């Protein structure tokens, strides 16, 4: 059984909020595994993950989504 398969009893719940037209907000701290296997760590209380891939600090949001033409919203 992997960590993901174990019951959540006794573990704190992670709160994730998707912001329309903006980032994905995750209660931190977090450790993010990238597709190439590298790890990005953030010890902030809340971490903004880039959803538009425009961030120069990807996978962390740098608010680049605010300066560019908005992408069509998904339902």
PDB file of N, CA and C in Angstrom:
ATOM      1  N   UNK A   1       0.849  -1.180   0.000  1.00  0.00           N
ATOM      2  CA  UNK A   1       0.000   0.000   0.000  1.00  0.00           C
ATOM      3  C   UNK A   1       0.893   1.242   0.000  1.00  0.00           C
ATOM      4  N   UNK A   2       0.632   2.160  -0.924  1.00  0.00           N
ATOM      5  CA  UNK A   2       1.405   3.398  -0.997  1.00  0.00           C
ATOM      6  C   UNK A   2       0.792   4.436  -0.067  1.00  0.00           C
ATOM      7  N   UNK A   3       1.515   5.532   0.147  1.00  0.00           N
ATOM      8  CA  UNK A   3       1.023   6.623   0.994  1.00  0.00           C
ATOM      9  C   UNK A   3      -0.313   7.152   0.476  1.00  0.00           C
ATOM     10  N   UNK A   4      -0.463   7.236  -0.850  1.00  0.00           N
ATOM     11  CA  UNK A   4      -1.704   7.752  -1.434  1.00  0.00           C
ATOM     12  C   UNK A   4      -2.880   6.813  -1.185  1.00  0.00           C
ATOM     13  N   UNK A   5      -2.618   5.523  -0.987  1.00  0.00           N
ATOM     14  CA  UNK A   5      -3.683   4.549  -0.764  1.00  0.00           C
ATOM     15  C   UNK A   5      -4.123   4.463   0.690  1.00  0.00           C
ATOM     16  N   UNK A   6      -3.334   5.018   1.598  1.00  0.00           N
ATOM     17  CA  UNK A   6      -3.649   4.928   3.019  1.00  0.00           C
ATOM     18  C   UNK A   6      -4.802   5.837   3.385  1.00  0.00           C
ATOM     19  N   UNK A   7      -5.593   5.418   4.366  1.00  0.00           N
ATOM     20  CA  UNK A   7      -6.704   6.271   4.822  1.00  0.00           C
ATOM     21  C   UNK A   7      -6.184   7.612   5.337  1.00  0.00           C
ATOM     22  N   UNK A   8      -7.004   8.644   5.231  1.00  0.00           N
ATOM     23  CA  UNK A   8      -6.595   9.989   5.659  1.00  0.00           C
ATOM     24  C   UNK A   8      -6.816  10.226   7.137  1.00  0.00           C
ATOM     25  N   UNK A   9      -7.362   9.250   7.839  1.00  0.00           N
ATOM     26  CA  UNK A   9      -7.616   9.419   9.265  1.00  0.00           C
ATOM     27  C   UNK A   9      -6.308   9.737   9.986  1.00  0.00           C
ATOM     28  N   UNK A  10      -6.317  10.807  10.766  1.00  0.00           N
ATOM     29  CA  UNK A  10      -5.129  11.210  11.511  1.00  0.00           C
ATOM     30  C   UNK A  10      -4.210  12.142  10.743  1.00  0.00           C
ATOM     31  N   UNK A  11      -4.450  12.311   9.452  1.00  0.00           N
ATOM     32  CA  UNK A  11      -3.643  13.236   8.655  1.00  0.00           C
ATOM     33  C   UNK A  11      -4.449  14.501   8.396  1.00  0.00           C
ATOM     34  N   UNK A  12      -3.783  15.650   8.408  1.00  0.00           N
ATOM     35  CA  UNK A  12      -4.520  16.887   8.130  1.00  0.00           C
ATOM     36  C   UNK A  12      -5.019  16.904   6.683  1.00  0.00           C
ATOM     37  N   UNK A  13      -6.146  17.549   6.452  1.00  0.00           N
ATOM     38  CA  UNK A  13      -6.697  17.681   5.112  1.00  0.00           C
ATOM     39  C   UNK A  13      -5.983  18.814   4.392  1.00  0.00           C
ATOM     40  N   UNK A  14      -5.639  18.582   3.143  1.00  0.00           N
ATOM     41  CA  UNK A  14      -5.045  19.619   2.309  1.00  0.00           C
ATOM     42  C   UNK A  14      -6.174  20.347   1.609  1.00  0.00           C
ATOM     43  N   UNK A  15      -6.160  21.673   1.696  1.00  0.00           N
ATOM     44  CA  UNK A  15      -7.205  22.487   1.067  1.00  0.00           C
ATOM     45  C   UNK A  15      -6.645  23.065  -0.223  1.00  0.00           C
ATOM     46  N   UNK A  16      -7.338  22.808  -1.353  1.00  0.00           N
ATOM     47  CA  UNK A  16      -6.935  23.318  -2.667  1.00  0.00           C
ATOM     48  C   UNK A  16      -8.103  24.096  -3.239  1.00  0.00           C
ATOM     49  N   UNK A  17      -7.805  25.310  -3.742  1.00  0.00           N
ATOM     50  CA  UNK A  17      -8.854  26.167  -4.312  1.00  0.00           C
ATOM     51  C   UNK A  17      -8.422  26.600  -5.705  1.00  0.00           C
ATOM     52  N   UNK A  18      -9.257  26.333  -6.709  1.00  0.00           N
ATOM     53  CA  UNK A  18      -8.981  26.745  -8.083  1.00  0.00           C
ATOM     54  C   UNK A  18      -9.602  28.115  -8.296  1.00  0.00           C
ATOM     55  N   UNK A  19      -8.788  29.084  -8.707  1.00  0.00           N
ATOM     56  CA  UNK A  19      -9.237  30.449  -8.933  1.00  0.00           C
ATOM     57  C   UNK A  19      -9.536  30.622 -10.422  1.00  0.00           C
ATOM     58  N   UNK A  20     -10.746  31.017 -10.772  1.00  0.00           N
ATOM     59  CA  UNK A  20     -11.114  31.208 -12.176  1.00  0.00           C
ATOM     60  C   UNK A  20     -10.183  32.217 -12.835  1.00  0.00           C
ATOM     61  N   UNK A  21      -9.530  31.816 -13.913  1.00  0.00           N
ATOM     62  CA  UNK A  21      -8.617  32.702 -14.627  1.00  0.00           C
ATOM     63  C   UNK A  21      -7.313  32.950 -13.900  1.00  0.00           C
ATOM     64  N   UNK A  22      -7.072  32.246 -12.818  1.00  0.00           N
ATOM     65  CA  UNK A  22      -5.870  32.481 -12.028  1.00  0.00           C
ATOM     66  C   UNK A  22      -5.209  31.194 -11.594  1.00  0.00           C
ATOM     67  N   UNK A  23      -4.506  31.254 -10.480  1.00  0.00           N
ATOM     68  CA  UNK A  23      -3.725  30.105 -10.027  1.00  0.00           C
ATOM     69  C   UNK A  23      -4.549  29.082  -9.248  1.00  0.00           C
ATOM     70  N   UNK A  24      -3.901  28.015  -8.896  1.00  0.00           N
ATOM     71  CA  UNK A  24      -4.447  27.001  -8.007  1.00  0.00           C
ATOM     72  C   UNK A  24      -3.815  27.254  -6.647  1.00  0.00           C
ATOM     73  N   UNK A  25      -4.645  27.546  -5.652  1.00  0.00           N
ATOM     74  CA  UNK A  25      -4.157  27.882  -4.319  1.00  0.00           C
ATOM     75  C   UNK A  25      -4.138  26.629  -3.453  1.00  0.00           C
ATOM     76  N   UNK A  26      -2.973  26.334  -2.868  1.00  0.00           N
ATOM     77  CA  UNK A  26      -2.795  25.146  -2.038  1.00  0.00           C
ATOM     78  C   UNK A  26      -2.303  25.590  -0.674  1.00  0.00           C
ATOM     79  N   UNK A  27      -2.948  25.084   0.384  1.00  0.00           N
ATOM     80  CA  UNK A  27      -2.447  25.376   1.726  1.00  0.00           C
ATOM     81  C   UNK A  27      -1.106  24.674   1.869  1.00  0.00           C
ATOM     82  N   UNK A  28      -0.079  25.440   2.209  1.00  0.00           N
ATOM     83  CA  UNK A  28       1.284  24.928   2.262  1.00  0.00           C
ATOM     84  C   UNK A  28       1.663  24.476   3.643  1.00  0.00           C
ATOM     85  N   UNK A  29       2.883  24.112   3.854  1.00  0.00           N
ATOM     86  CA  UNK A  29       3.941  24.045   2.849  1.00  0.00           C
ATOM     87  C   UNK A  29       3.726  22.857   1.914  1.00  0.00           C
ATOM     88  N   UNK A  30       4.357  22.924   0.728  1.00  0.00           N
ATOM     89  CA  UNK A  30       4.204  21.864  -0.262  1.00  0.00           C
ATOM     90  C   UNK A  30       5.545  21.473  -0.860  1.00  0.00           C
ATOM     91  N   UNK A  31       5.570  20.263  -1.372  1.00  0.00           N
ATOM     92  CA  UNK A  31       6.686  19.752  -2.147  1.00  0.00           C
ATOM     93  C   UNK A  31       6.095  19.315  -3.476  1.00  0.00           C
ATOM     94  N   UNK A  32       6.565  19.906  -4.581  1.00  0.00           N
ATOM     95  CA  UNK A  32       5.994  19.668  -5.898  1.00  0.00           C
ATOM     96  C   UNK A  32       6.980  18.855  -6.722  1.00  0.00           C
ATOM     97  N   UNK A  33       6.537  17.702  -7.218  1.00  0.00           N
ATOM     98  CA  UNK A  33       7.384  16.880  -8.083  1.00  0.00           C
ATOM     99  C   UNK A  33       7.080  17.239  -9.530  1.00  0.00           C
ATOM    100  N   UNK A  34       8.119  17.676 -10.256  1.00  0.00           N
ATOM    101  CA  UNK A  34       7.982  18.085 -11.642  1.00  0.00           C
ATOM    102  C   UNK A  34       8.066  16.861 -12.555  1.00  0.00           C
ATOM    103  N   UNK A  35       7.637  16.996 -13.829  1.00  0.00           N
ATOM    104  CA  UNK A  35       7.679  15.870 -14.755  1.00  0.00           C
ATOM    105  C   UNK A  35       9.075  15.259 -14.927  1.00  0.00           C
ATOM    106  N   UNK A  36      10.115  16.073 -14.782  1.00  0.00           N
ATOM    107  CA  UNK A  36      11.476  15.547 -14.937  1.00  0.00           C
ATOM    108  C   UNK A  36      12.018  14.918 -13.658  1.00  0.00           C
ATOM    109  N   UNK A  37      11.191  14.874 -12.605  1.00  0.00           N
ATOM    110  CA  UNK A  37      11.597  14.271 -11.343  1.00  0.00           C
ATOM    111  C   UNK A  37      12.194  15.242 -10.341  1.00  0.00           C
ATOM    112  N   UNK A  38      12.455  16.478 -10.757  1.00  0.00           N
ATOM    113  CA  UNK A  38      12.992  17.466  -9.821  1.00  0.00           C
ATOM    114  C   UNK A  38      11.897  17.868  -8.834  1.00  0.00           C
ATOM    115  N   UNK A  39      12.322  18.396  -7.695  1.00  0.00           N
ATOM    116  CA  UNK A  39      11.397  18.777  -6.627  1.00  0.00           C
ATOM    117  C   UNK A  39      11.473  20.286  -6.405  1.00  0.00           C
ATOM    118  N   UNK A  40      10.309  20.922  -6.311  1.00  0.00           N
ATOM    119  CA  UNK A  40      10.213  22.341  -5.971  1.00  0.00           C
ATOM    120  C   UNK A  40       9.526  22.403  -4.615  1.00  0.00           C
ATOM    121  N   UNK A  41      10.195  22.986  -3.623  1.00  0.00           N
ATOM    122  CA  UNK A  41       9.653  23.104  -2.276  1.00  0.00           C
ATOM    123  C   UNK A  41       9.239  24.544  -1.994  1.00  0.00           C
ATOM    124  N   UNK A  42       8.148  24.702  -1.266  1.00  0.00           N
ATOM    125  CA  UNK A  42       7.722  26.013  -0.789  1.00  0.00           C
ATOM    126  C   UNK A  42       7.219  25.858   0.631  1.00  0.00           C
ATOM    127  N   UNK A  43       7.741  26.698   1.522  1.00  0.00           N
ATOM    128  CA  UNK A  43       7.333  26.619   2.925  1.00  0.00           C
ATOM    129  C   UNK A  43       6.306  27.699   3.296  1.00  0.00           C
ATOM    130  N   UNK A  44       5.714  28.333   2.305  1.00  0.00           N
ATOM    131  CA  UNK A  44       4.719  29.368   2.562  1.00  0.00           C
ATOM    132  C   UNK A  44       3.427  28.784   3.099  1.00  0.00           C
ATOM    133  N   UNK A  45       2.660  29.598   3.804  1.00  0.00           N
ATOM    134  CA  UNK A  45       1.380  29.179   4.375  1.00  0.00           C
ATOM    135  C   UNK A  45       0.394  28.803   3.273  1.00  0.00           C
ATOM    136  N   UNK A  46       0.335  29.597   2.207  1.00  0.00           N
ATOM    137  CA  UNK A  46      -0.477  29.298   1.033  1.00  0.00           C
ATOM    138  C   UNK A  46       0.403  29.444  -0.195  1.00  0.00           C
ATOM    139  N   UNK A  47       0.314  28.466  -1.088  1.00  0.00           N
ATOM    140  CA  UNK A  47       1.144  28.441  -2.285  1.00  0.00           C
ATOM    141  C   UNK A  47       0.241  28.586  -3.507  1.00  0.00           C
ATOM    142  N   UNK A  48       0.608  29.489  -4.418  1.00  0.00           N
ATOM    143  CA  UNK A  48      -0.135  29.685  -5.661  1.00  0.00           C
ATOM    144  C   UNK A  48       0.593  28.938  -6.771  1.00  0.00           C
ATOM    145  N   UNK A  49      -0.073  27.923  -7.324  1.00  0.00           N
ATOM    146  CA  UNK A  49       0.494  27.149  -8.422  1.00  0.00           C
ATOM    147  C   UNK A  49      -0.032  27.698  -9.741  1.00  0.00           C
ATOM    148  N   UNK A  50       0.872  27.894 -10.681  1.00  0.00           N
ATOM    149  CA  UNK A  50       0.516  28.438 -11.983  1.00  0.00           C
ATOM    150  C   UNK A  50      -0.342  27.449 -12.756  1.00  0.00           C
ATOM    151  N   UNK A  51      -1.464  27.925 -13.289  1.00  0.00           N
ATOM    152  CA  UNK A  51      -2.347  27.097 -14.099  1.00  0.00           C
ATOM    153  C   UNK A  51      -2.268  27.467 -15.579  1.00  0.00           C
ATOM    154  N   UNK A  52      -1.625  28.589 -15.898  1.00  0.00           N
ATOM    155  CA  UNK A  52      -1.576  29.053 -17.289  1.00  0.00           C
ATOM    156  C   UNK A  52      -0.230  28.771 -17.961  1.00  0.00           C
ATOM    157  N   UNK A  53       0.756  28.370 -17.204  1.00  0.00           N
ATOM    158  CA  UNK A  53       2.117  28.074 -17.680  1.00  0.00           C
ATOM    159  C   UNK A  53       2.827  29.301 -18.263  1.00  0.00           C
ATOM    160  N   UNK A  54       2.400  30.502 -17.879  1.00  0.00           N
ATOM    161  CA  UNK A  54       3.063  31.732 -18.321  1.00  0.00           C
ATOM    162  C   UNK A  54       4.094  32.219 -17.309  1.00  0.00           C
ATOM    163  N   UNK A  55       4.071  31.670 -16.113  1.00  0.00           N
ATOM    164  CA  UNK A  55       4.927  32.140 -15.033  1.00  0.00           C
ATOM    165  C   UNK A  55       6.398  31.910 -15.337  1.00  0.00           C
ATOM    166  N   UNK A  56       7.209  32.918 -15.062  1.00  0.00           N
ATOM    167  CA  UNK A  56       8.658  32.765 -15.185  1.00  0.00           C
ATOM    168  C   UNK A  56       9.212  31.971 -14.013  1.00  0.00           C
ATOM    169  N   UNK A  57       8.373  31.736 -13.019  1.00  0.00           N
ATOM    170  CA  UNK A  57       8.757  30.994 -11.821  1.00  0.00           C
ATOM    171  C   UNK A  57       7.967  29.681 -11.741  1.00  0.00           C
ATOM    172  N   UNK A  58       7.553  29.148 -12.904  1.00  0.00           N
ATOM    173  CA  UNK A  58       6.739  27.937 -12.971  1.00  0.00           C
ATOM    174  C   UNK A  58       7.415  26.803 -12.228  1.00  0.00           C
ATOM    175  N   UNK A  59       6.718  26.058 -11.393  1.00  0.00           N
ATOM    176  CA  UNK A  59       5.283  25.868 -11.277  1.00  0.00           C
ATOM    177  C   UNK A  59       4.609  26.846 -10.319  1.00  0.00           C
ATOM    178  N   UNK A  60       5.361  27.771  -9.732  1.00  0.00           N
ATOM    179  CA  UNK A  60       4.781  28.759  -8.822  1.00  0.00           C
ATOM    180  C   UNK A  60       4.272  29.947  -9.630  1.00  0.00           C
ATOM    181  N   UNK A  61       3.162  30.503  -9.227  1.00  0.00           N
ATOM    182  CA  UNK A  61       2.536  31.619  -9.927  1.00  0.00           C
ATOM    183  C   UNK A  61       3.284  32.922  -9.649  1.00  0.00           C
ATOM    184  N   UNK A  62       3.515  33.712 -10.700  1.00  0.00           N
ATOM    185  CA  UNK A  62       4.095  35.046 -10.533  1.00  0.00           C
ATOM    186  C   UNK A  62       3.118  36.126 -11.006  1.00  0.00           C
ATOM    187  N   UNK A  63       1.860  35.785 -11.124  1.00  0.00           N
ATOM    188  CA  UNK A  63       0.744  36.637 -11.563  1.00  0.00           C
ATOM    189  C   UNK A  63       0.837  37.035 -13.043  1.00  0.00           C
ATOM    190  N   UNK A  64       1.579  36.306 -13.849  1.00  0.00           N
ATOM    191  CA  UNK A  64       1.656  36.587 -15.287  1.00  0.00           C
ATOM    192  C   UNK A  64       0.291  36.514 -15.949  1.00  0.00           C
ATOM    193  N   UNK A  65      -0.629  35.707 -15.393  1.00  0.00           N
ATOM    194  CA  UNK A  65      -1.968  35.581 -15.962  1.00  0.00           C
ATOM    195  C   UNK A  65      -2.711  36.914 -15.950  1.00  0.00           C
ATOM    196  N   UNK A  66      -2.314  37.846 -15.104  1.00  0.00           N
ATOM    197  CA  UNK A  66      -2.982  39.153 -15.019  1.00  0.00           C
ATOM    198  C   UNK A  66      -2.563  40.084 -16.149  1.00  0.00           C
ATOM    199  N   UNK A  67      -1.359  39.900 -16.676  1.00  0.00           N
ATOM    200  CA  UNK A  67      -0.807  40.817 -17.678  1.00  0.00           C
ATOM    201  C   UNK A  67      -1.071  40.372 -19.105  1.00  0.00           C
ATOM    202  N   UNK A  68      -1.603  39.217 -19.298  1.00  0.00           N
ATOM    203  CA  UNK A  68      -1.830  38.678 -20.637  1.00  0.00           C
ATOM    204  C   UNK A  68      -3.313  38.604 -20.932  1.00  0.00           C
ATOM    205  N   UNK A  69      -3.629  38.438 -22.202  1.00  0.00           N
ATOM    206  CA  UNK A  69      -5.030  38.249 -22.602  1.00  0.00           C
ATOM    207  C   UNK A  69      -5.560  36.985 -21.934  1.00  0.00           C
ATOM    208  N   UNK A  70      -6.750  37.083 -21.372  1.00  0.00           N
ATOM    209  CA  UNK A  70      -7.344  35.964 -20.664  1.00  0.00           C
ATOM    210  C   UNK A  70      -7.625  34.810 -21.609  1.00  0.00           C
ATOM    211  N   UNK A  71      -7.424  33.588 -21.108  1.00  0.00           N
ATOM    212  CA  UNK A  71      -7.751  32.392 -21.850  1.00  0.00           C
ATOM    213  C   UNK A  71      -9.230  32.086 -21.649  1.00  0.00           C
ATOM    214  N   UNK A  72      -9.859  31.377 -22.578  1.00  0.00           N
ATOM    215  CA  UNK A  72     -11.270  31.011 -22.397  1.00  0.00           C
ATOM    216  C   UNK A  72     -11.450  30.188 -21.122  1.00  0.00           C
ATOM    217  N   UNK A  73     -12.521  30.435 -20.386  1.00  0.00           N
ATOM    218  CA  UNK A  73     -12.789  29.734 -19.133  1.00  0.00           C
ATOM    219  C   UNK A  73     -13.416  28.393 -19.421  1.00  0.00           C
ATOM    220  N   UNK A  74     -13.031  27.386 -18.607  1.00  0.00           N
ATOM    221  CA  UNK A  74     -13.629  26.066 -18.692  1.00  0.00           C
ATOM    222  C   UNK A  74     -14.768  25.986 -17.680  1.00  0.00           C
ATOM    223  N   UNK A  75     -15.754  25.193 -17.982  1.00  0.00           N
ATOM    224  CA  UNK A  75     -16.855  24.990 -17.029  1.00  0.00           C
ATOM    225  C   UNK A  75     -16.520  23.940 -16.022  1.00  0.00           C
TER     226      UNK A  75
END
